[in-house]
Amino acid sequence: MKFRNKALAALAILAVVGAGCGSSKSASGGGGSGGSGATTTIGLFGDFTGESASGNKTSNLGLEAGIYEAGLNGVKLKFVEADSQTSPTGALAAAQKLVEQDHVSAVVSVSALTFLAASYLQKAGVPVVGLAEDGGEWVTDTNMFSTFGFLDPTKVSTGGGQFFKMEGATVVGALGYGISPQSADAAKNITTSAQAVGLRVGYLNANFPFGSTNVAPVAIAMKSNGVDGMSSETDPNTSFSLIQALRQEGDNLKVAIVPDGYGGDLSQAGPSAVQIGQGVYFTLSFEPVEMRTAATEKFQAALTHAGVSGEPTYAEYGGYTSAALLTQALKLTGPNPTHSALISALSGITDFNAWGLLGDHQLNMTNRAASAIGVDGCGYYTKLVGSSFQLVPNADPLCGTEVPGH
């Protein structure tokens, strides 16, 4: 799933996410009335600079909010950061820093490049929690635990196709990055989902250059093939450039879906990005704050302790839910467990619901196959109308079933 000359939307979003991408820093938390005992150090593996920063940079704020909430639940955490720099060498160096220099008890990963460090982290026996946005290692590597399910790339849900059909699309197109296994697989899978519910596929490109905004050829091809429903399984830079290019080609899509850019990622990017985002649908694996549930209210309250007063970002959800999962495991192990003890505790969790952000659905870590297409194949959808994100009727969440024979 994830991310992103000179298109206006890309420039607007980059201007926001590029600010303040400094070197690694440490942060701590865990105050609150429930905190007691020793503090466990965790490492945040993130894309704070480079192409994927546009969708992932704010994970530290979500983790800070999660650390505050963990403190209220009697678990003290602190974290250090390591920047993948959205590069292969940077990803490996970041993982090595967290393990060999910082000696963290666990790694939180909200990154499009986790797969480049996964082999090292597995061999080191380090538990990893976070978002399975990049590749199949979250399914195969038993030290890795995704907060929205394991997303087996060989499994497809009808949910995406159902949403296109529900909103009136008839011909579907999809775009994904070739370098990112999860992005490429997501693009392929959304077209399979569309076909499964009787829609036609007019365009599929699962080998697009990572982070590129050279989308004019894609827009022309989609237009010429009658695409009226599009899913861009890329970063905001690419997705919004494509939406703008399609509109310039005169293709007024009935449905444009992007996997990130929701909330603060877009609303903080300024009026130009908001204008281009009009009518675009945004997907989430967790309850959007527009639902105003007890869980989303708690999330937003915790975010204020990280200095976030507006709508959360995708990456903030990732940091926060990762803290939720670690908190549940650490309540079983106690502070500063061995890597193997924490992996064992994480592996035994059968009722994770991300402090309520998964609604009435739960994630069973003991059975990865059970959440091969996410938690129950469910997704939440919002649509940008004016300056606000609005819930989509019958899609909060929309739950699909596995496509047989895929």
Protein backbone atom coordinates (compact mmCIF):
# COMPACT_ATOMS: atom_id res chain seq x y z
CA MET A 1 0.00 0.00 0.00
CA LYS A 2 1.73 3.24 0.10
CA PHE A 3 3.09 6.36 -1.39
CA ARG A 4 3.41 8.69 -3.15
CA ASN A 5 6.81 17.75 -11.28
CA LYS A 6 5.83 19.11 -10.73
CA ALA A 7 2.26 18.81 -10.26
CA LEU A 8 0.70 21.30 -7.93
CA ALA A 9 -0.56 18.66 -5.50
CA ALA A 10 2.82 16.98 -5.26
CA LEU A 11 4.54 20.27 -4.60
CA ALA A 12 2.01 21.21 -1.94
CA ILE A 13 2.31 17.92 -0.12
CA LEU A 14 6.09 17.81 -0.37
CA ALA A 15 6.32 21.31 1.04
CA VAL A 16 4.59 20.13 4.17
CA VAL A 17 6.21 16.77 4.70
CA GLY A 18 9.67 18.01 3.80
CA ALA A 19 9.74 20.45 6.67
CA GLY A 20 11.57 19.43 9.81
CA CYS A 21 12.97 16.11 8.51
CA GLY A 22 16.06 16.33 10.67
CA SER A 23 18.39 13.64 11.94
CA SER A 24 17.31 10.88 14.26
CA LYS A 25 16.15 11.96 17.66
CA SER A 26 14.91 10.27 20.76
CA ALA A 27 11.66 10.85 22.53
CA SER A 28 10.10 9.40 25.62
CA GLY A 29 6.79 9.19 27.35
CA GLY A 30 4.72 6.95 29.49
CA GLY A 31 3.68 9.34 32.21
CA GLY A 32 0.10 9.35 33.31
CA SER A 33 -1.49 7.84 36.33
CA GLY A 34 -0.90 4.22 35.37
CA GLY A 35 2.86 4.24 34.70
CA SER A 36 5.19 2.43 37.08
CA GLY A 37 8.37 0.36 36.95
CA ALA A 38 11.14 0.33 34.38
CA THR A 39 10.98 1.92 30.94
CA THR A 40 11.30 -0.19 27.79
CA THR A 41 13.21 1.29 24.86
CA ILE A 42 11.86 0.68 21.39
CA GLY A 43 13.16 1.81 18.02
CA LEU A 44 11.16 3.60 15.33
CA PHE A 45 12.19 2.60 11.81
CA GLY A 46 10.69 5.26 9.57
CA ASP A 47 10.89 7.13 6.27
CA PHE A 48 11.66 10.61 7.58
CA THR A 49 13.42 11.81 4.43
CA GLY A 50 13.30 10.79 0.78
CA GLU A 51 10.39 9.89 -1.47
CA SER A 52 8.34 8.00 1.13
CA ALA A 53 8.50 10.78 3.70
CA SER A 54 5.38 12.24 2.09
CA GLY A 55 3.31 9.43 3.54
CA ASN A 56 5.31 8.14 6.49
CA LYS A 57 7.17 10.98 8.15
CA THR A 58 4.71 11.62 10.98
CA SER A 59 4.89 8.14 12.49
CA ASN A 60 6.90 9.57 15.40
CA LEU A 61 3.97 11.74 16.46
CA GLY A 62 1.64 8.76 16.46
CA LEU A 63 4.14 6.78 18.50
CA GLU A 64 4.44 9.63 20.99
CA ALA A 65 0.66 9.58 21.37
CA GLY A 66 0.76 5.81 21.80
CA ILE A 67 3.45 6.09 24.45
CA TYR A 68 1.25 8.49 26.39
CA GLU A 69 -1.65 6.05 26.19
CA ALA A 70 0.63 3.16 27.15
CA GLY A 71 1.55 5.06 30.31
CA LEU A 72 -2.11 5.29 31.25
CA ASN A 73 -2.20 1.51 30.85
CA GLY A 74 0.73 0.96 33.19
CA VAL A 75 3.47 0.48 30.57
CA LYS A 76 6.38 2.90 30.25
CA LEU A 77 7.99 3.25 26.84
CA LYS A 78 10.51 5.48 25.18
CA PHE A 79 11.78 5.42 21.63
CA VAL A 80 14.71 6.31 19.43
CA GLU A 81 14.41 7.00 15.71
CA ALA A 82 16.29 5.71 12.69
CA ASP A 83 15.70 7.11 9.21
CA SER A 84 15.56 4.73 6.24
CA GLN A 85 16.16 7.78 4.01
CA THR A 86 13.97 5.89 1.51
CA SER A 87 17.06 4.10 0.22
CA PRO A 88 18.33 0.49 0.35
CA THR A 89 21.56 1.40 2.13
CA GLY A 90 19.74 3.75 4.47
CA ALA A 91 17.17 1.11 5.39
CA LEU A 92 19.77 -1.47 6.39
CA ALA A 93 21.87 1.10 8.25
CA ALA A 94 18.80 2.29 10.16
CA ALA A 95 17.93 -1.23 11.29
CA GLN A 96 21.53 -1.91 12.31
CA LYS A 97 21.64 1.29 14.35
CA LEU A 98 18.53 0.37 16.31
CA VAL A 99 19.75 -3.14 17.08
CA GLU A 100 23.50 -2.76 17.49
CA GLN A 101 23.82 0.76 18.89
CA ASP A 102 20.50 1.45 20.61
CA HIS A 103 19.87 -2.14 21.76
CA VAL A 104 16.10 -1.73 21.49
CA SER A 105 13.65 -4.30 22.82
CA ALA A 106 11.52 -4.04 19.68
CA VAL A 107 11.33 -2.17 16.39
CA VAL A 108 8.26 -0.22 15.28
CA SER A 109 8.23 0.03 11.49
CA VAL A 110 6.12 2.44 9.47
CA SER A 111 8.06 2.36 6.23
CA ALA A 112 7.77 1.50 2.56
CA LEU A 113 11.21 -0.13 2.77
CA THR A 114 10.85 -2.50 5.72
CA PHE A 115 11.40 -5.43 3.36
CA LEU A 116 14.98 -4.27 2.75
CA ALA A 117 15.82 -4.64 6.45
CA ALA A 118 13.54 -7.60 7.24
CA SER A 119 16.15 -10.32 6.68
CA TYR A 120 18.61 -8.60 9.01
CA LEU A 121 15.98 -8.09 11.72
CA GLN A 122 14.81 -11.69 11.43
CA LYS A 123 18.35 -13.05 11.77
CA ALA A 124 18.90 -10.78 14.77
CA GLY A 125 15.73 -12.19 16.33
CA VAL A 126 14.25 -8.74 16.96
CA PRO A 127 10.46 -8.35 17.24
CA VAL A 128 8.98 -5.92 14.72
CA VAL A 129 5.52 -4.35 14.95
CA GLY A 130 3.97 -1.84 12.59
CA LEU A 131 2.18 -1.60 9.25
CA ALA A 132 2.46 -4.28 6.57
CA GLU A 133 2.60 -1.71 3.81
CA ASP A 134 5.61 -2.91 1.86
CA GLY A 135 5.93 -6.65 1.31
CA GLY A 136 5.16 -10.25 2.14
CA GLU A 137 7.79 -10.53 4.87
CA TRP A 138 5.07 -9.62 7.36
CA VAL A 139 3.44 -12.94 6.52
CA THR A 140 6.51 -15.18 6.34
CA ASP A 141 8.75 -13.73 9.09
CA THR A 142 7.42 -14.85 12.46
CA ASN A 143 9.16 -11.98 14.30
CA MET A 144 6.93 -9.45 12.50
CA PHE A 145 3.45 -8.35 13.60
CA SER A 146 1.23 -5.97 11.62
CA THR A 147 -1.41 -3.99 13.45
CA PHE A 148 -3.95 -4.24 10.61
CA GLY A 149 -3.34 -7.84 9.59
CA PHE A 150 -0.68 -9.65 7.63
CA LEU A 151 -1.88 -8.97 4.07
CA ASP A 152 -0.78 -12.09 2.25
CA PRO A 153 -0.19 -10.91 -1.35
CA THR A 154 -1.57 -14.21 -2.65
CA LYS A 155 -4.99 -13.47 -1.09
CA VAL A 156 -7.53 -11.01 -2.51
CA SER A 157 -10.70 -9.58 -0.96
CA THR A 158 -13.79 -8.59 -2.90
CA GLY A 159 -13.98 -5.41 -0.78
CA GLY A 160 -12.20 -3.08 -3.19
CA GLY A 161 -14.23 -4.25 -6.15
CA GLN A 162 -17.44 -3.94 -4.14
CA PHE A 163 -16.58 -0.33 -3.34
CA PHE A 164 -15.93 0.58 -6.98
CA LYS A 165 -19.22 -1.02 -7.97
CA MET A 166 -21.15 0.62 -5.14
CA GLU A 167 -19.90 4.06 -6.16
CA GLY A 168 -20.72 3.61 -9.84
CA ALA A 169 -17.43 2.69 -11.54
CA THR A 170 -17.52 0.19 -14.39
CA VAL A 171 -13.95 0.17 -15.77
CA VAL A 172 -11.09 0.03 -13.26
CA GLY A 173 -7.46 1.08 -13.52
CA ALA A 174 -4.63 0.62 -11.00
CA LEU A 175 -1.08 1.86 -10.50
CA GLY A 176 1.66 0.43 -8.26
CA TYR A 177 5.40 0.74 -7.71
CA GLY A 178 7.61 -2.00 -9.14
CA ILE A 179 10.21 -1.71 -6.38
CA SER A 180 7.67 -2.12 -3.55
CA PRO A 181 6.21 -5.63 -3.43
CA GLN A 182 3.17 -4.55 -1.43
CA SER A 183 2.42 -1.64 -3.75
CA ALA A 184 2.74 -3.82 -6.86
CA ASP A 185 0.64 -6.60 -5.35
CA ALA A 186 -2.02 -4.15 -4.16
CA ALA A 187 -2.40 -2.78 -7.70
CA LYS A 188 -2.77 -6.28 -9.13
CA ASN A 189 -5.14 -7.36 -6.39
CA ILE A 190 -7.51 -4.42 -6.74
CA THR A 191 -8.01 -5.32 -10.41
CA THR A 192 -8.62 -8.96 -9.48
CA SER A 193 -11.15 -7.76 -6.90
CA ALA A 194 -12.87 -5.63 -9.51
CA GLN A 195 -13.11 -8.52 -11.95
CA ALA A 196 -14.50 -10.75 -9.20
CA VAL A 197 -17.54 -8.49 -8.84
CA GLY A 198 -18.14 -8.15 -12.57
CA LEU A 199 -16.22 -4.98 -13.44
CA ARG A 200 -13.85 -4.59 -16.38
CA VAL A 201 -10.16 -3.80 -15.99
CA GLY A 202 -9.02 -1.09 -18.39
CA TYR A 203 -5.49 -0.46 -17.15
CA LEU A 204 -2.92 -2.05 -14.83
CA ASN A 205 0.65 -0.90 -14.25
CA ALA A 206 2.35 -2.59 -11.29
CA ASN A 207 5.87 -1.57 -12.33
CA PHE A 208 5.80 2.22 -12.05
CA PRO A 209 9.06 3.91 -10.93
CA PHE A 210 9.10 4.56 -7.20
CA GLY A 211 8.11 8.10 -6.30
CA SER A 212 7.86 9.26 -9.91
CA THR A 213 5.40 11.95 -10.94
CA ASN A 214 5.83 11.33 -14.67
CA VAL A 215 2.23 10.20 -14.88
CA ALA A 216 1.08 11.75 -18.16
CA PRO A 217 1.46 8.47 -20.14
CA VAL A 218 -0.53 6.64 -17.45
CA ALA A 219 -3.32 9.22 -17.56
CA ILE A 220 -3.52 9.05 -21.36
CA ALA A 221 -3.67 5.25 -21.30
CA MET A 222 -6.37 5.22 -18.63
CA LYS A 223 -8.43 7.79 -20.52
CA SER A 224 -8.13 5.93 -23.83
CA ASN A 225 -9.23 2.68 -22.18
CA GLY A 226 -12.33 4.19 -20.60
CA VAL A 227 -11.20 3.97 -16.99
CA ASP A 228 -13.75 5.60 -14.69
CA GLY A 229 -12.53 4.05 -11.42
CA MET A 230 -8.90 4.31 -10.37
CA SER A 231 -6.82 3.06 -7.44
CA SER A 232 -3.32 4.47 -7.07
CA GLU A 233 -1.44 2.19 -4.67
CA THR A 234 1.38 4.71 -4.37
CA ASP A 235 2.58 7.62 -2.30
CA PRO A 236 0.67 10.93 -2.31
CA ASN A 237 3.20 12.51 -4.68
CA THR A 238 2.38 10.02 -7.41
CA SER A 239 -1.32 9.60 -6.61
CA PHE A 240 -2.21 13.29 -6.68
CA SER A 241 -0.13 13.95 -9.77
CA LEU A 242 -2.08 11.19 -11.52
CA ILE A 243 -5.46 12.55 -10.40
CA GLN A 244 -4.53 15.99 -11.67
CA ALA A 245 -3.26 14.57 -14.97
CA LEU A 246 -6.47 12.58 -15.49
CA ARG A 247 -8.56 15.70 -14.97
CA GLN A 248 -6.40 17.58 -17.43
CA GLU A 249 -7.08 14.78 -19.94
CA GLY A 250 -10.79 15.28 -19.37
CA ASP A 251 -11.26 11.99 -17.53
CA ASN A 252 -13.63 12.90 -14.72
CA LEU A 253 -13.38 9.74 -12.71
CA LYS A 254 -16.40 8.44 -10.84
CA VAL A 255 -14.10 6.88 -8.26
CA ALA A 256 -10.48 7.73 -7.39
CA ILE A 257 -9.08 5.81 -4.41
CA VAL A 258 -5.76 6.44 -2.71
CA PRO A 259 -4.37 4.45 0.26
CA ASP A 260 -2.88 7.42 2.06
CA GLY A 261 -3.13 11.16 2.15
CA TYR A 262 -6.11 10.99 4.52
CA GLY A 263 -6.49 13.53 7.29
CA GLY A 264 -3.48 15.57 8.23
CA ASP A 265 -1.47 14.33 5.25
CA LEU A 266 -3.75 16.33 2.98
CA SER A 267 -5.45 18.97 5.09
CA GLN A 268 -2.09 20.31 6.28
CA ALA A 269 -0.75 20.47 2.73
CA GLY A 270 -2.60 23.64 1.87
CA PRO A 271 -5.49 24.77 -0.33
CA SER A 272 -3.98 23.60 -3.63
CA ALA A 273 -3.71 20.00 -2.48
CA VAL A 274 -7.16 20.14 -0.94
CA GLN A 275 -8.57 21.44 -4.23
CA ILE A 276 -7.05 18.56 -6.20
CA GLY A 277 -8.25 16.10 -3.58
CA GLN A 278 -11.91 17.05 -3.99
CA GLY A 279 -14.07 13.98 -4.45
CA VAL A 280 -11.19 11.58 -3.84
CA TYR A 281 -11.77 8.54 -1.65
CA PHE A 282 -9.24 7.63 1.05
CA THR A 283 -8.92 4.18 2.59
CA LEU A 284 -7.97 3.27 6.14
CA SER A 285 -7.64 0.01 8.03
CA PHE A 286 -8.74 1.72 11.24
CA GLU A 287 -11.74 3.81 12.25
CA PRO A 288 -11.48 7.33 10.79
CA VAL A 289 -11.91 10.06 13.37
CA GLU A 290 -15.06 11.23 11.59
CA MET A 291 -16.81 8.23 13.15
CA ARG A 292 -16.42 9.90 16.56
CA THR A 293 -16.28 6.64 18.48
CA ALA A 294 -14.81 6.24 21.94
CA ALA A 295 -11.66 4.84 20.33
CA THR A 296 -11.18 7.72 17.90
CA GLU A 297 -11.82 10.27 20.64
CA LYS A 298 -9.16 8.60 22.79
CA PHE A 299 -6.75 8.59 19.85
CA GLN A 300 -7.21 12.29 19.18
CA ALA A 301 -6.87 13.12 22.87
CA ALA A 302 -3.58 11.20 23.00
CA LEU A 303 -2.35 13.01 19.89
CA THR A 304 -2.64 16.35 21.66
CA HIS A 305 0.16 15.16 23.95
CA ALA A 306 2.32 14.87 20.82
CA GLY A 307 1.38 18.38 19.71
CA VAL A 308 -1.15 17.27 17.08
CA SER A 309 -4.37 19.25 17.17
CA GLY A 310 -5.79 18.53 13.72
CA GLU A 311 -6.76 15.35 11.93
CA PRO A 312 -4.37 12.39 12.22
CA THR A 313 -2.30 11.01 9.38
CA TYR A 314 -1.91 7.45 8.14
CA ALA A 315 1.54 7.26 9.74
CA GLU A 316 0.21 8.57 13.06
CA TYR A 317 -2.29 5.72 13.08
CA GLY A 318 0.66 3.40 12.46
CA GLY A 319 2.74 4.70 15.35
CA TYR A 320 -0.19 4.76 17.76
CA THR A 321 -1.50 1.26 16.98
CA SER A 322 2.04 -0.13 17.19
CA ALA A 323 2.28 1.21 20.74
CA ALA A 324 -1.07 -0.44 21.46
CA LEU A 325 0.19 -3.83 20.32
CA LEU A 326 3.45 -3.54 22.26
CA THR A 327 1.57 -2.45 25.36
CA GLN A 328 -0.62 -5.54 25.22
CA ALA A 329 2.45 -7.78 24.90
CA LEU A 330 4.52 -5.98 27.55
CA LYS A 331 1.74 -6.35 30.08
CA LEU A 332 2.42 -10.08 29.74
CA THR A 333 6.23 -9.96 29.79
CA GLY A 334 7.03 -7.00 32.00
CA PRO A 335 9.51 -4.26 31.00
CA ASN A 336 12.67 -4.91 28.99
CA PRO A 337 11.95 -8.51 28.00
CA THR A 338 14.29 -10.57 25.91
CA HIS A 339 13.59 -10.47 22.20
CA SER A 340 12.39 -14.07 22.24
CA ALA A 341 10.09 -13.47 25.21
CA LEU A 342 8.46 -10.50 23.51
CA ILE A 343 8.03 -12.39 20.23
CA SER A 344 6.40 -15.21 22.19
CA ALA A 345 4.02 -12.77 23.89
CA LEU A 346 3.11 -11.07 20.62
CA SER A 347 2.56 -14.44 18.96
CA GLY A 348 0.06 -15.43 21.63
CA ILE A 349 -2.26 -12.42 21.31
CA THR A 350 -5.68 -13.44 20.03
CA ASP A 351 -7.77 -10.32 20.65
CA PHE A 352 -5.89 -7.24 19.44
CA ASN A 353 -8.20 -4.38 18.48
CA ALA A 354 -5.80 -1.42 18.45
CA TRP A 355 -7.31 0.28 21.50
CA GLY A 356 -10.68 0.02 19.76
CA LEU A 357 -9.64 1.45 16.38
CA LEU A 358 -10.45 -1.86 14.68
CA GLY A 359 -14.06 -1.44 15.78
CA ASP A 360 -15.64 -4.71 16.80
CA HIS A 361 -13.06 -6.69 14.82
CA GLN A 362 -10.05 -8.38 16.41
CA LEU A 363 -6.69 -9.57 15.13
CA ASN A 364 -5.50 -13.05 16.06
CA MET A 365 -1.70 -13.14 16.01
CA THR A 366 -1.67 -16.91 16.51
CA ASN A 367 -3.20 -17.48 13.07
CA ARG A 368 -1.66 -15.34 10.36
CA ALA A 369 -3.73 -16.98 7.66
CA ALA A 370 -6.88 -15.75 9.38
CA SER A 371 -5.96 -12.13 8.62
CA ALA A 372 -4.30 -12.72 5.26
CA ILE A 373 -6.35 -9.94 3.67
CA GLY A 374 -6.40 -7.70 6.73
CA VAL A 375 -8.73 -7.96 9.69
CA ASP A 376 -11.80 -9.70 8.23
CA GLY A 377 -11.12 -8.10 4.83
CA CYS A 378 -12.50 -4.81 6.07
CA GLY A 379 -11.63 -1.25 5.08
CA TYR A 380 -12.91 2.18 6.07
CA TYR A 381 -13.55 4.84 3.42
CA THR A 382 -13.79 8.60 3.58
CA LYS A 383 -14.34 11.15 0.81
CA LEU A 384 -12.95 14.68 0.71
CA VAL A 385 -15.75 17.19 0.23
CA GLY A 386 -14.85 20.82 0.66
CA SER A 387 -12.46 21.11 3.58
CA SER A 388 -13.60 17.99 5.40
CA PHE A 389 -13.48 14.24 5.08
CA GLN A 390 -16.89 12.62 5.05
CA LEU A 391 -17.85 9.06 5.87
CA VAL A 392 -19.07 7.00 2.93
CA PRO A 393 -22.43 5.31 3.60
CA ASN A 394 -22.15 1.53 3.92
CA ALA A 395 -18.36 1.71 3.96
CA ASP A 396 -17.42 2.30 7.58
CA PRO A 397 -16.30 -0.39 7.32
CA LEU A 398 -16.94 -2.26 4.10
CA CYS A 399 -15.96 -5.92 4.49
CA GLY A 400 -15.30 -8.24 1.61
CA THR A 401 -14.75 -11.96 1.26
CA GLU A 402 -11.78 -13.83 -0.15
CA VAL A 403 -11.79 -14.25 -3.92
CA PRO A 404 -11.76 -18.03 -4.46
CA GLY A 405 -9.12 -19.62 -6.61
CA HIS A 406 -6.75 -16.67 -6.62
